[in-house]
C-alpha atoms as a PDB file:
ATOM      1  CA  UNK A   1      73.474  94.123  89.191  1.00  0.00           C
ATOM      2  CA  UNK A   2      76.855  95.404  90.300  1.00  0.00           C
ATOM      3  CA  UNK A   3      76.580  98.814  92.495  1.00  0.00           C
ATOM      4  CA  UNK A   4      77.662 101.451  90.070  1.00  0.00           C
ATOM      5  CA  UNK A   5      79.049 103.865  92.635  1.00  0.00           C
ATOM      6  CA  UNK A   6      80.917 101.343  94.865  1.00  0.00           C
ATOM      7  CA  UNK A   7      83.549 103.055  97.590  1.00  0.00           C
ATOM      8  CA  UNK A   8      87.373 103.148  96.421  1.00  0.00           C
ATOM      9  CA  UNK A   9      87.757 100.433  99.251  1.00  0.00           C
ATOM     10  CA  UNK A  10      85.039  98.200  98.131  1.00  0.00           C
ATOM     11  CA  UNK A  11      85.821  98.418  94.320  1.00  0.00           C
ATOM     12  CA  UNK A  12      89.308  97.235  94.925  1.00  0.00           C
ATOM     13  CA  UNK A  13      88.411  94.859  97.455  1.00  0.00           C
ATOM     14  CA  UNK A  14      86.251  93.356  95.157  1.00  0.00           C
ATOM     15  CA  UNK A  15      88.660  93.447  92.114  1.00  0.00           C
ATOM     16  CA  UNK A  16      90.795  91.906  94.563  1.00  0.00           C
ATOM     17  CA  UNK A  17      88.454  88.814  94.748  1.00  0.00           C
ATOM     18  CA  UNK A  18      87.837  88.630  91.319  1.00  0.00           C
ATOM     19  CA  UNK A  19      84.334  89.681  91.944  1.00  0.00           C
ATOM     20  CA  UNK A  20      82.438  92.140  89.650  1.00  0.00           C
ATOM     21  CA  UNK A  21      82.925  96.108  89.801  1.00  0.00           C
ATOM     22  CA  UNK A  22      81.477  98.890  88.553  1.00  0.00           C
ATOM     23  CA  UNK A  23      84.609  99.482  86.629  1.00  0.00           C
ATOM     24  CA  UNK A  24      88.147  98.738  87.122  1.00  0.00           C
ATOM     25  CA  UNK A  25      90.254 100.870  89.904  1.00  0.00           C
ATOM     26  CA  UNK A  26      92.762 102.635  88.383  1.00  0.00           C
ATOM     27  CA  UNK A  27      96.258 104.586  89.762  1.00  0.00           C
ATOM     28  CA  UNK A  28      99.348 105.647  88.509  1.00  0.00           C
ATOM     29  CA  UNK A  29     101.918 107.329  90.280  1.00  0.00           C
ATOM     30  CA  UNK A  30     105.082 109.431  89.070  1.00  0.00           C
ATOM     31  CA  UNK A  31     107.869 111.074  90.477  1.00  0.00           C
ATOM     32  CA  UNK A  32     108.379 115.142  91.011  1.00  0.00           C
ATOM     33  CA  UNK A  33     112.063 114.872  91.715  1.00  0.00           C
ATOM     34  CA  UNK A  34     112.261 118.797  92.804  1.00  0.00           C
ATOM     35  CA  UNK A  35     109.001 118.480  95.439  1.00  0.00           C
ATOM     36  CA  UNK A  36     110.332 114.901  97.427  1.00  0.00           C
ATOM     37  CA  UNK A  37     113.177 116.800  99.379  1.00  0.00           C
ATOM     38  CA  UNK A  38     110.891 117.423 102.779  1.00  0.00           C
ATOM     39  CA  UNK A  39     107.840 115.211 104.146  1.00  0.00           C
ATOM     40  CA  UNK A  40     105.993 118.146 103.394  1.00  0.00           C
ATOM     41  CA  UNK A  41     106.399 118.573  99.770  1.00  0.00           C
ATOM     42  CA  UNK A  42     106.227 114.816  99.307  1.00  0.00           C
ATOM     43  CA  UNK A  43     103.262 114.829 101.374  1.00  0.00           C
ATOM     44  CA  UNK A  44     101.318 117.961  99.457  1.00  0.00           C
ATOM     45  CA  UNK A  45     102.638 117.211  95.854  1.00  0.00           C
ATOM     46  CA  UNK A  46     100.943 113.262  96.668  1.00  0.00           C
ATOM     47  CA  UNK A  47      97.820 114.382  97.681  1.00  0.00           C
ATOM     48  CA  UNK A  48      97.611 117.151  94.875  1.00  0.00           C
ATOM     49  CA  UNK A  49      98.522 114.899  92.026  1.00  0.00           C
ATOM     50  CA  UNK A  50      95.469 112.389  93.765  1.00  0.00           C
ATOM     51  CA  UNK A  51      92.990 114.573  93.397  1.00  0.00           C
ATOM     52  CA  UNK A  52      93.682 116.403  90.128  1.00  0.00           C
ATOM     53  CA  UNK A  53      93.313 112.621  88.115  1.00  0.00           C
ATOM     54  CA  UNK A  54      90.796 111.003  91.281  1.00  0.00           C
ATOM     55  CA  UNK A  55      93.055 107.768  91.063  1.00  0.00           C
ATOM     56  CA  UNK A  56      91.694 104.630  92.980  1.00  0.00           C
ATOM     57  CA  UNK A  57      94.046 104.430  95.847  1.00  0.00           C
ATOM     58  CA  UNK A  58      97.396 106.337  96.151  1.00  0.00           C
ATOM     59  CA  UNK A  59     100.772 104.348  95.695  1.00  0.00           C
ATOM     60  CA  UNK A  60     103.166 107.227  97.653  1.00  0.00           C
ATOM     61  CA  UNK A  61     105.853 107.583  95.255  1.00  0.00           C
ATOM     62  CA  UNK A  62     109.252 108.237  97.829  1.00  0.00           C
ATOM     63  CA  UNK A  63     112.254 109.869  97.088  1.00  0.00           C
ATOM     64  CA  UNK A  64     114.229 107.209  95.269  1.00  0.00           C
ATOM     65  CA  UNK A  65     117.612 107.780  96.822  1.00  0.00           C
ATOM     66  CA  UNK A  66     115.851 107.236 100.459  1.00  0.00           C
ATOM     67  CA  UNK A  67     116.544 103.813 100.793  1.00  0.00           C
ATOM     68  CA  UNK A  68     120.185 104.408 100.219  1.00  0.00           C
ATOM     69  CA  UNK A  69     120.787 107.720 102.151  1.00  0.00           C
ATOM     70  CA  UNK A  70     120.718 105.573 105.377  1.00  0.00           C
ATOM     71  CA  UNK A  71     123.782 103.765 104.808  1.00  0.00           C
ATOM     72  CA  UNK A  72     126.194 106.776 103.236  1.00  0.00           C
ATOM     73  CA  UNK A  73     124.688 107.807  99.998  1.00  0.00           C
ATOM     74  CA  UNK A  74     124.574 111.646  99.517  1.00  0.00           C
ATOM     75  CA  UNK A  75     123.075 113.605  96.587  1.00  0.00           C
ATOM     76  CA  UNK A  76     123.055 116.929  94.729  1.00  0.00           C
ATOM     77  CA  UNK A  77     118.879 117.339  95.568  1.00  0.00           C
ATOM     78  CA  UNK A  78     117.102 118.005  92.392  1.00  0.00           C
ATOM     79  CA  UNK A  79     115.202 121.358  92.146  1.00  0.00           C
ATOM     80  CA  UNK A  80     113.369 120.559  88.654  1.00  0.00           C
ATOM     81  CA  UNK A  81     110.725 118.161  88.449  1.00  0.00           C
ATOM     82  CA  UNK A  82     111.814 115.699  85.811  1.00  0.00           C
ATOM     83  CA  UNK A  83     115.837 115.449  86.637  1.00  0.00           C
ATOM     84  CA  UNK A  84     116.525 113.123  89.189  1.00  0.00           C
ATOM     85  CA  UNK A  85     118.782 113.717  92.052  1.00  0.00           C
ATOM     86  CA  UNK A  86     122.623 113.457  91.355  1.00  0.00           C
ATOM     87  CA  UNK A  87     124.632 110.755  93.470  1.00  0.00           C
ATOM     88  CA  UNK A  88     127.908 112.303  94.622  1.00  0.00           C
ATOM     89  CA  UNK A  89     129.076 109.713  97.354  1.00  0.00           C
ATOM     90  CA  UNK A  90     128.789 106.403  98.192  1.00  0.00           C
ATOM     91  CA  UNK A  91     130.301 103.735 100.807  1.00  0.00           C
ATOM     92  CA  UNK A  92     131.005 100.513  99.407  1.00  0.00           C
ATOM     93  CA  UNK A  93     134.215 101.019  97.257  1.00  0.00           C
ATOM     94  CA  UNK A  94     136.138  97.769  97.835  1.00  0.00           C
ATOM     95  CA  UNK A  95     134.656  94.281  98.873  1.00  0.00           C
ATOM     96  CA  UNK A  96     135.885  95.169 102.094  1.00  0.00           C
ATOM     97  CA  UNK A  97     133.095  98.055 102.564  1.00  0.00           C
ATOM     98  CA  UNK A  98     130.200  95.704 102.435  1.00  0.00           C
ATOM     99  CA  UNK A  99     131.672  95.373 106.053  1.00  0.00           C
ATOM    100  CA  UNK A 100     130.061  98.588 107.033  1.00  0.00           C
ATOM    101  CA  UNK A 101     126.762  98.255 106.435  1.00  0.00           C
ATOM    102  CA  UNK A 102     124.921  97.680 109.715  1.00  0.00           C
ATOM    103  CA  UNK A 103     121.345  98.054 110.280  1.00  0.00           C
ATOM    104  CA  UNK A 104     119.366 101.689 111.018  1.00  0.00           C
ATOM    105  CA  UNK A 105     116.229 102.644 112.380  1.00  0.00           C
ATOM    106  CA  UNK A 106     113.766 103.006 109.611  1.00  0.00           C
ATOM    107  CA  UNK A 107     112.007 105.824 112.117  1.00  0.00           C
ATOM    108  CA  UNK A 108     114.735 108.440 111.814  1.00  0.00           C
ATOM    109  CA  UNK A 109     116.921 109.122 108.832  1.00  0.00           C
ATOM    110  CA  UNK A 110     115.544 109.826 105.238  1.00  0.00           C
ATOM    111  CA  UNK A 111     113.439 106.926 106.100  1.00  0.00           C
ATOM    112  CA  UNK A 112     111.822 108.487 108.881  1.00  0.00           C
ATOM    113  CA  UNK A 113     111.050 110.897 106.214  1.00  0.00           C
ATOM    114  CA  UNK A 114     108.905 109.209 104.268  1.00  0.00           C
ATOM    115  CA  UNK A 115     107.093 108.067 107.499  1.00  0.00           C
ATOM    116  CA  UNK A 116     106.141 111.475 108.450  1.00  0.00           C
ATOM    117  CA  UNK A 117     104.884 112.072 104.593  1.00  0.00           C
ATOM    118  CA  UNK A 118     102.773 109.349 104.847  1.00  0.00           C
ATOM    119  CA  UNK A 119     101.031 109.987 108.221  1.00  0.00           C
ATOM    120  CA  UNK A 120     100.425 113.836 106.938  1.00  0.00           C
ATOM    121  CA  UNK A 121      98.990 111.850 103.483  1.00  0.00           C
ATOM    122  CA  UNK A 122      96.642 110.018 105.618  1.00  0.00           C
ATOM    123  CA  UNK A 123      95.752 112.768 107.590  1.00  0.00           C
ATOM    124  CA  UNK A 124      94.449 114.777 104.528  1.00  0.00           C
ATOM    125  CA  UNK A 125      92.812 112.045 102.705  1.00  0.00           C
ATOM    126  CA  UNK A 126      91.270 110.153 105.904  1.00  0.00           C
ATOM    127  CA  UNK A 127      90.496 106.647 106.281  1.00  0.00           C
ATOM    128  CA  UNK A 128      88.764 105.716 102.886  1.00  0.00           C
ATOM    129  CA  UNK A 129      91.667 106.173 100.478  1.00  0.00           C
ATOM    130  CA  UNK A 130      93.765 103.188 100.175  1.00  0.00           C
ATOM    131  CA  UNK A 131      97.296 103.970 100.565  1.00  0.00           C
ATOM    132  CA  UNK A 132     100.515 101.793 100.391  1.00  0.00           C
ATOM    133  CA  UNK A 133     104.254 102.948 100.434  1.00  0.00           C
ATOM    134  CA  UNK A 134     107.275 101.887  98.813  1.00  0.00           C
ATOM    135  CA  UNK A 135     110.115 100.157  99.472  1.00  0.00           C
ATOM    136  CA  UNK A 136     112.917  98.615  97.389  1.00  0.00           C
ATOM    137  CA  UNK A 137     114.523  94.869  97.527  1.00  0.00           C
ATOM    138  CA  UNK A 138     117.623  94.434  99.214  1.00  0.00           C
ATOM    139  CA  UNK A 139     119.180  93.564  95.589  1.00  0.00           C
ATOM    140  CA  UNK A 140     118.417  96.963  94.094  1.00  0.00           C
ATOM    141  CA  UNK A 141     119.470  99.031  97.504  1.00  0.00           C
ATOM    142  CA  UNK A 142     122.728  97.481  97.629  1.00  0.00           C
ATOM    143  CA  UNK A 143     123.231  98.471  93.873  1.00  0.00           C
ATOM    144  CA  UNK A 144     122.886 101.921  94.772  1.00  0.00           C
ATOM    145  CA  UNK A 145     125.502 101.647  97.717  1.00  0.00           C
ATOM    146  CA  UNK A 146     128.085 100.594  95.009  1.00  0.00           C
ATOM    147  CA  UNK A 147     127.528 103.482  93.061  1.00  0.00           C
ATOM    148  CA  UNK A 148     124.512 102.187  90.958  1.00  0.00           C
ATOM    149  CA  UNK A 149     126.282 100.106  89.308  1.00  0.00           C
ATOM    150  CA  UNK A 150     124.218  96.917  88.882  1.00  0.00           C
ATOM    151  CA  UNK A 151     128.008  95.827  87.318  1.00  0.00           C
ATOM    152  CA  UNK A 152     129.441  96.140  90.118  1.00  0.00           C
ATOM    153  CA  UNK A 153     127.166  95.095  92.657  1.00  0.00           C
ATOM    154  CA  UNK A 154     127.348  91.451  90.383  1.00  0.00           C
ATOM    155  CA  UNK A 155     130.910  91.871  90.653  1.00  0.00           C
ATOM    156  CA  UNK A 156     131.113  91.751  94.382  1.00  0.00           C
ATOM    157  CA  UNK A 157     128.255  89.283  94.627  1.00  0.00           C
ATOM    158  CA  UNK A 158     129.676  86.962  92.642  1.00  0.00           C
ATOM    159  CA  UNK A 159     133.017  87.224  94.279  1.00  0.00           C
ATOM    160  CA  UNK A 160     132.741  87.520  97.829  1.00  0.00           C
ATOM    161  CA  UNK A 161     129.069  85.849  98.437  1.00  0.00           C
ATOM    162  CA  UNK A 162     129.637  85.503 102.504  1.00  0.00           C
ATOM    163  CA  UNK A 163     129.906  88.928 103.064  1.00  0.00           C
ATOM    164  CA  UNK A 164     127.498  89.627 100.065  1.00  0.00           C
ATOM    165  CA  UNK A 165     124.764  87.553 102.059  1.00  0.00           C
ATOM    166  CA  UNK A 166     125.511  89.355 105.246  1.00  0.00           C
ATOM    167  CA  UNK A 167     124.950  92.972 103.705  1.00  0.00           C
ATOM    168  CA  UNK A 168     121.927  91.713 101.911  1.00  0.00           C
ATOM    169  CA  UNK A 169     120.933  90.432 105.628  1.00  0.00           C
ATOM    170  CA  UNK A 170     121.289  93.731 107.142  1.00  0.00           C
ATOM    171  CA  UNK A 171     119.114  95.343 104.526  1.00  0.00           C
ATOM    172  CA  UNK A 172     116.784  93.434 104.801  1.00  0.00           C
ATOM    173  CA  UNK A 173     116.225  93.204 108.357  1.00  0.00           C
ATOM    174  CA  UNK A 174     116.265  97.078 107.952  1.00  0.00           C
ATOM    175  CA  UNK A 175     113.467  96.470 105.244  1.00  0.00           C
ATOM    176  CA  UNK A 176     111.391  94.358 107.449  1.00  0.00           C
ATOM    177  CA  UNK A 177     110.994  96.721 110.363  1.00  0.00           C
ATOM    178  CA  UNK A 178     110.373  99.218 107.866  1.00  0.00           C
ATOM    179  CA  UNK A 179     107.523  97.574 106.025  1.00  0.00           C
ATOM    180  CA  UNK A 180     105.934  97.326 110.087  1.00  0.00           C
ATOM    181  CA  UNK A 181     106.455 100.568 110.219  1.00  0.00           C
ATOM    182  CA  UNK A 182     104.686 101.498 107.420  1.00  0.00           C
ATOM    183  CA  UNK A 183     101.652  99.844 108.237  1.00  0.00           C
ATOM    184  CA  UNK A 184     101.423 101.548 111.636  1.00  0.00           C
ATOM    185  CA  UNK A 185     102.215 104.886 109.498  1.00  0.00           C
ATOM    186  CA  UNK A 186      99.079 104.683 108.567  1.00  0.00           C
ATOM    187  CA  UNK A 187      99.705 102.438 104.922  1.00  0.00           C
ATOM    188  CA  UNK A 188      97.066  99.563 104.140  1.00  0.00           C
ATOM    189  CA  UNK A 189     100.251  97.824 102.734  1.00  0.00           C
ATOM    190  CA  UNK A 190     103.868  98.044 100.297  1.00  0.00           C
ATOM    191  CA  UNK A 191     104.381  98.174  97.505  1.00  0.00           C
ATOM    192  CA  UNK A 192     108.315  95.764  96.903  1.00  0.00           C
ATOM    193  CA  UNK A 193     110.218  96.883  93.772  1.00  0.00           C
ATOM    194  CA  UNK A 194     112.181  93.763  92.343  1.00  0.00           C
ATOM    195  CA  UNK A 195     114.450  94.302  89.932  1.00  0.00           C
ATOM    196  CA  UNK A 196     116.965  91.159  90.143  1.00  0.00           C
ATOM    197  CA  UNK A 197     114.064  89.030  88.799  1.00  0.00           C
ATOM    198  CA  UNK A 198     114.896  90.409  85.492  1.00  0.00           C
ATOM    199  CA  UNK A 199     117.326  88.383  82.800  1.00  0.00           C
ATOM    200  CA  UNK A 200     118.960  91.637  82.564  1.00  0.00           C
ATOM    201  CA  UNK A 201     120.384  92.274  85.980  1.00  0.00           C
ATOM    202  CA  UNK A 202     121.091  88.609  87.419  1.00  0.00           C
ATOM    203  CA  UNK A 203     120.628  84.724  86.474  1.00  0.00           C
ATOM    204  CA  UNK A 204     118.218  82.517  87.525  1.00  0.00           C
ATOM    205  CA  UNK A 205     120.399  80.742  90.157  1.00  0.00           C
ATOM    206  CA  UNK A 206     121.458  84.161  91.412  1.00  0.00           C
ATOM    207  CA  UNK A 207     118.172  85.509  92.131  1.00  0.00           C
ATOM    208  CA  UNK A 208     117.451  82.316  93.946  1.00  0.00           C
ATOM    209  CA  UNK A 209     120.174  82.718  96.165  1.00  0.00           C
ATOM    210  CA  UNK A 210     120.942  86.361  96.412  1.00  0.00           C
ATOM    211  CA  UNK A 211     117.348  87.611  95.117  1.00  0.00           C
ATOM    212  CA  UNK A 212     114.751  85.427  96.707  1.00  0.00           C
ATOM    213  CA  UNK A 213     115.917  85.071 100.224  1.00  0.00           C
ATOM    214  CA  UNK A 214     115.858  88.476 101.285  1.00  0.00           C
ATOM    215  CA  UNK A 215     112.459  89.664  99.141  1.00  0.00           C
ATOM    216  CA  UNK A 216     110.035  87.679 100.606  1.00  0.00           C
ATOM    217  CA  UNK A 217     110.851  88.621 104.166  1.00  0.00           C
ATOM    218  CA  UNK A 218     109.616  91.610 103.626  1.00  0.00           C
ATOM    219  CA  UNK A 219     106.626  90.742 101.898  1.00  0.00           C
ATOM    220  CA  UNK A 220     105.990  88.304 104.994  1.00  0.00           C
ATOM    221  CA  UNK A 221     106.906  91.208 107.315  1.00  0.00           C
ATOM    222  CA  UNK A 222     104.056  93.420 105.593  1.00  0.00           C
ATOM    223  CA  UNK A 223     101.535  90.385 105.946  1.00  0.00           C
ATOM    224  CA  UNK A 224      99.200  92.533 108.303  1.00  0.00           C
ATOM    225  CA  UNK A 225      98.418  94.785 105.206  1.00  0.00           C
ATOM    226  CA  UNK A 226      95.598  94.109 102.608  1.00  0.00           C
ATOM    227  CA  UNK A 227      96.927  95.763  99.613  1.00  0.00           C
ATOM    228  CA  UNK A 228     101.046  94.887  99.303  1.00  0.00           C
ATOM    229  CA  UNK A 229     101.585  95.482  95.737  1.00  0.00           C
ATOM    230  CA  UNK A 230     104.601  93.198  94.129  1.00  0.00           C
ATOM    231  CA  UNK A 231     106.197  95.103  91.136  1.00  0.00           C
ATOM    232  CA  UNK A 232     108.397  92.911  89.280  1.00  0.00           C
ATOM    233  CA  UNK A 233     110.735  95.162  87.058  1.00  0.00           C
ATOM    234  CA  UNK A 234     112.055  95.138  83.069  1.00  0.00           C
ATOM    235  CA  UNK A 235     111.428  92.163  80.284  1.00  0.00           C
ATOM    236  CA  UNK A 236     111.942  88.752  80.614  1.00  0.00           C
ATOM    237  CA  UNK A 237     111.149  88.211  83.955  1.00  0.00           C
ATOM    238  CA  UNK A 238     111.777  85.067  86.219  1.00  0.00           C
ATOM    239  CA  UNK A 239     108.086  84.781  86.335  1.00  0.00           C
ATOM    240  CA  UNK A 240     107.837  81.498  88.010  1.00  0.00           C
ATOM    241  CA  UNK A 241     108.974  83.406  91.425  1.00  0.00           C
ATOM    242  CA  UNK A 242     105.684  85.104  92.298  1.00  0.00           C
ATOM    243  CA  UNK A 243     104.718  81.385  94.224  1.00  0.00           C
ATOM    244  CA  UNK A 244     107.364  82.623  96.178  1.00  0.00           C
ATOM    245  CA  UNK A 245     106.395  85.856  96.652  1.00  0.00           C
ATOM    246  CA  UNK A 246     102.779  86.241  98.454  1.00  0.00           C
ATOM    247  CA  UNK A 247     101.234  89.224  98.021  1.00  0.00           C
ATOM    248  CA  UNK A 248      97.395  90.905  96.927  1.00  0.00           C
ATOM    249  CA  UNK A 249      98.493  92.877  93.428  1.00  0.00           C
ATOM    250  CA  UNK A 250     101.040  91.832  90.793  1.00  0.00           C
ATOM    251  CA  UNK A 251     102.859  94.813  88.814  1.00  0.00           C
ATOM    252  CA  UNK A 252     104.901  94.424  85.853  1.00  0.00           C
ATOM    253  CA  UNK A 253     105.558  95.898  82.313  1.00  0.00           C
ATOM    254  CA  UNK A 254     104.002  94.452  78.710  1.00  0.00           C
ATOM    255  CA  UNK A 255     108.085  93.896  77.678  1.00  0.00           C
ATOM    256  CA  UNK A 256     109.416  91.107  75.571  1.00  0.00           C
ATOM    257  CA  UNK A 257     109.589  87.918  77.169  1.00  0.00           C
ATOM    258  CA  UNK A 258     106.747  89.102  80.313  1.00  0.00           C
ATOM    259  CA  UNK A 259     103.050  87.438  80.058  1.00  0.00           C
ATOM    260  CA  UNK A 260      99.981  89.280  79.478  1.00  0.00           C
ATOM    261  CA  UNK A 261      98.120  90.723  82.244  1.00  0.00           C
ATOM    262  CA  UNK A 262      95.391  87.204  81.935  1.00  0.00           C
ATOM    263  CA  UNK A 263      98.452  84.666  81.450  1.00  0.00           C
ATOM    264  CA  UNK A 264     100.050  86.575  84.737  1.00  0.00           C
ATOM    265  CA  UNK A 265      96.616  86.501  86.518  1.00  0.00           C
ATOM    266  CA  UNK A 266      96.281  82.824  85.896  1.00  0.00           C
ATOM    267  CA  UNK A 267      99.876  81.717  86.794  1.00  0.00           C
ATOM    268  CA  UNK A 268     100.209  84.531  89.424  1.00  0.00           C
ATOM    269  CA  UNK A 269      96.567  83.384  90.925  1.00  0.00           C
ATOM    270  CA  UNK A 270      96.046  87.263  92.031  1.00  0.00           C
ATOM    271  CA  UNK A 271      94.972  90.294  90.804  1.00  0.00           C
ATOM    272  CA  UNK A 272      96.799  91.889  88.390  1.00  0.00           C
ATOM    273  CA  UNK A 273      97.512  95.977  87.660  1.00  0.00           C
ATOM    274  CA  UNK A 274      99.028  97.260  84.502  1.00  0.00           C
ATOM    275  CA  UNK A 275      98.476  97.478  80.827  1.00  0.00           C
ATOM    276  CA  UNK A 276      99.175 101.205  80.408  1.00  0.00           C
ATOM    277  CA  UNK A 277     102.908 102.383  78.782  1.00  0.00           C
ATOM    278  CA  UNK A 278     105.191 103.385  82.140  1.00  0.00           C
ATOM    279  CA  UNK A 279     108.219 106.115  81.178  1.00  0.00           C
ATOM    280  CA  UNK A 280     109.380 107.011  79.267  1.00  0.00           C
ATOM    281  CA  UNK A 281     106.979 105.930  76.628  1.00  0.00           C
ATOM    282  CA  UNK A 282     103.717 107.518  78.047  1.00  0.00           C
ATOM    283  CA  UNK A 283     105.429 110.698  77.898  1.00  0.00           C
ATOM    284  CA  UNK A 284     105.355 110.869  74.141  1.00  0.00           C
ATOM    285  CA  UNK A 285     102.281 108.992  73.864  1.00  0.00           C
ATOM    286  CA  UNK A 286      99.048 110.563  72.546  1.00  0.00           C
ATOM    287  CA  UNK A 287      95.478 109.917  74.231  1.00  0.00           C
ATOM    288  CA  UNK A 288      94.150 107.701  71.222  1.00  0.00           C
ATOM    289  CA  UNK A 289      97.221 105.603  72.657  1.00  0.00           C
ATOM    290  CA  UNK A 290      96.495 105.991  75.700  1.00  0.00           C
ATOM    291  CA  UNK A 291      92.692 104.568  75.120  1.00  0.00           C
ATOM    292  CA  UNK A 292      93.967 102.078  73.228  1.00  0.00           C
ATOM    293  CA  UNK A 293      96.204 100.526  75.866  1.00  0.00           C
ATOM    294  CA  UNK A 294      93.318 100.508  78.605  1.00  0.00           C
ATOM    295  CA  UNK A 295      91.027  99.107  76.006  1.00  0.00           C
ATOM    296  CA  UNK A 296      93.415  96.090  75.326  1.00  0.00           C
ATOM    297  CA  UNK A 297      94.269  95.162  79.045  1.00  0.00           C
ATOM    298  CA  UNK A 298      90.257  95.503  79.640  1.00  0.00           C
ATOM    299  CA  UNK A 299      89.537  93.222  76.766  1.00  0.00           C
ATOM    300  CA  UNK A 300      92.501  90.973  77.982  1.00  0.00           C
ATOM    301  CA  UNK A 301      91.082  90.422  81.782  1.00  0.00           C
ATOM    302  CA  UNK A 302      87.371  90.987  81.006  1.00  0.00           C
ATOM    303  CA  UNK A 303      87.740  93.794  83.271  1.00  0.00           C
ATOM    304  CA  UNK A 304      87.844  91.605  86.525  1.00  0.00           C
ATOM    305  CA  UNK A 305      90.408  90.579  89.012  1.00  0.00           C
ATOM    306  CA  UNK A 306      92.103  93.415  87.498  1.00  0.00           C
ATOM    307  CA  UNK A 307      93.121  97.335  87.306  1.00  0.00           C
ATOM    308  CA  UNK A 308      94.196  99.835  85.459  1.00  0.00           C
ATOM    309  CA  UNK A 309      98.005 101.269  85.950  1.00  0.00           C
ATOM    310  CA  UNK A 310     101.196 101.642  84.656  1.00  0.00           C
ATOM    311  CA  UNK A 311     103.785  98.739  84.215  1.00  0.00           C
ATOM    312  CA  UNK A 312     106.194 100.702  86.333  1.00  0.00           C
ATOM    313  CA  UNK A 313     106.574 104.497  86.852  1.00  0.00           C
ATOM    314  CA  UNK A 314     105.662 107.061  84.604  1.00  0.00           C
ATOM    315  CA  UNK A 315     107.596 109.887  83.597  1.00  0.00           C
ATOM    316  CA  UNK A 316     107.622 113.577  86.121  1.00  0.00           C
ATOM    317  CA  UNK A 317     106.722 115.141  82.799  1.00  0.00           C
ATOM    318  CA  UNK A 318     103.551 112.714  81.455  1.00  0.00           C
ATOM    319  CA  UNK A 319     101.081 115.337  79.677  1.00  0.00           C
ATOM    320  CA  UNK A 320      98.284 115.755  82.191  1.00  0.00           C
ATOM    321  CA  UNK A 321      95.980 114.702  79.537  1.00  0.00           C
ATOM    322  CA  UNK A 322      97.335 111.138  78.747  1.00  0.00           C
ATOM    323  CA  UNK A 323      96.764 110.133  82.684  1.00  0.00           C
ATOM    324  CA  UNK A 324      93.761 112.121  82.415  1.00  0.00           C
ATOM    325  CA  UNK A 325      92.799 109.798  79.418  1.00  0.00           C
ATOM    326  CA  UNK A 326      93.252 106.896  81.091  1.00  0.00           C
ATOM    327  CA  UNK A 327      91.007 107.598  84.013  1.00  0.00           C
ATOM    328  CA  UNK A 328      88.453 108.716  81.734  1.00  0.00           C
ATOM    329  CA  UNK A 329      88.879 105.622  80.115  1.00  0.00           C
ATOM    330  CA  UNK A 330      87.964 102.594  82.812  1.00  0.00           C
ATOM    331  CA  UNK A 331      84.978 105.384  83.663  1.00  0.00           C
ATOM    332  CA  UNK A 332      83.602 104.770  80.412  1.00  0.00           C
ATOM    333  CA  UNK A 333      83.670 101.045  80.906  1.00  0.00           C
ATOM    334  CA  UNK A 334      80.901 100.181  83.212  1.00  0.00           C
ATOM    335  CA  UNK A 335      79.077  96.781  83.619  1.00  0.00           C
END
């Protein structure tokens, strides 16, 4: 008989190990673009959302632009919850600009602000709430440094391979230092977001050359964390890459060309989290549709070695009722 009132950490550790749980753990994450521009606002909004929905863990939705700001990206910051900041300047315009990218201190500047927010969140919620902090993969960051143009980024790495490799290695080194800092500042793990392993981003060969060698070291740097999540973003994923990307938890969208949760669970040999539609679809779903997706995910996996969550972040203006409905749906499923 499973304890019907497991604590958050015990529930999650049981799910990671494939042991019976009282109910599947659940958490969702969304930006509030108006309240992510300072550590205090980000911390306050993160804790507010956590308490509003009573999630099992916190995935801090760091300011998305923070991963490029330290290398020169400049933004007009948003004052509206669902409106993204507007890019106004970026550092890489020609291939020669690749040589301008140098290592940065992850405890200073925009990245340092996320660590300050993390420490404040940990202080507020205490030690019994698992927390992870986001890190973008180096190729994803590089795409922002050329003006948020994946096509321009691909053009550069294809035509100036040596320079691109040096730049990606520099970004990777900073991300490794940041991953270690996340653990020091109170995170239980990191959330590594990777876009390049989708066929609509890079070819399989390009990801093997310009993605994987710079993504794996970040997860290695966070290996002391007990709750690292690998997020593969997009449709038609090169799913075999999970064999080379160690993590306790795997997250992806149930889009065309991607496996089901149960198939992914078996292929990756790890706990999966997902099942519920992410942005922008969840914003317009009915509560009944949300409930149906939660139930389908639990039926697919038997509720074992799985967690309920979105396949990616949810729209900032998602109706609260949809998130409460997802939380209620797992509460009604109990062994």
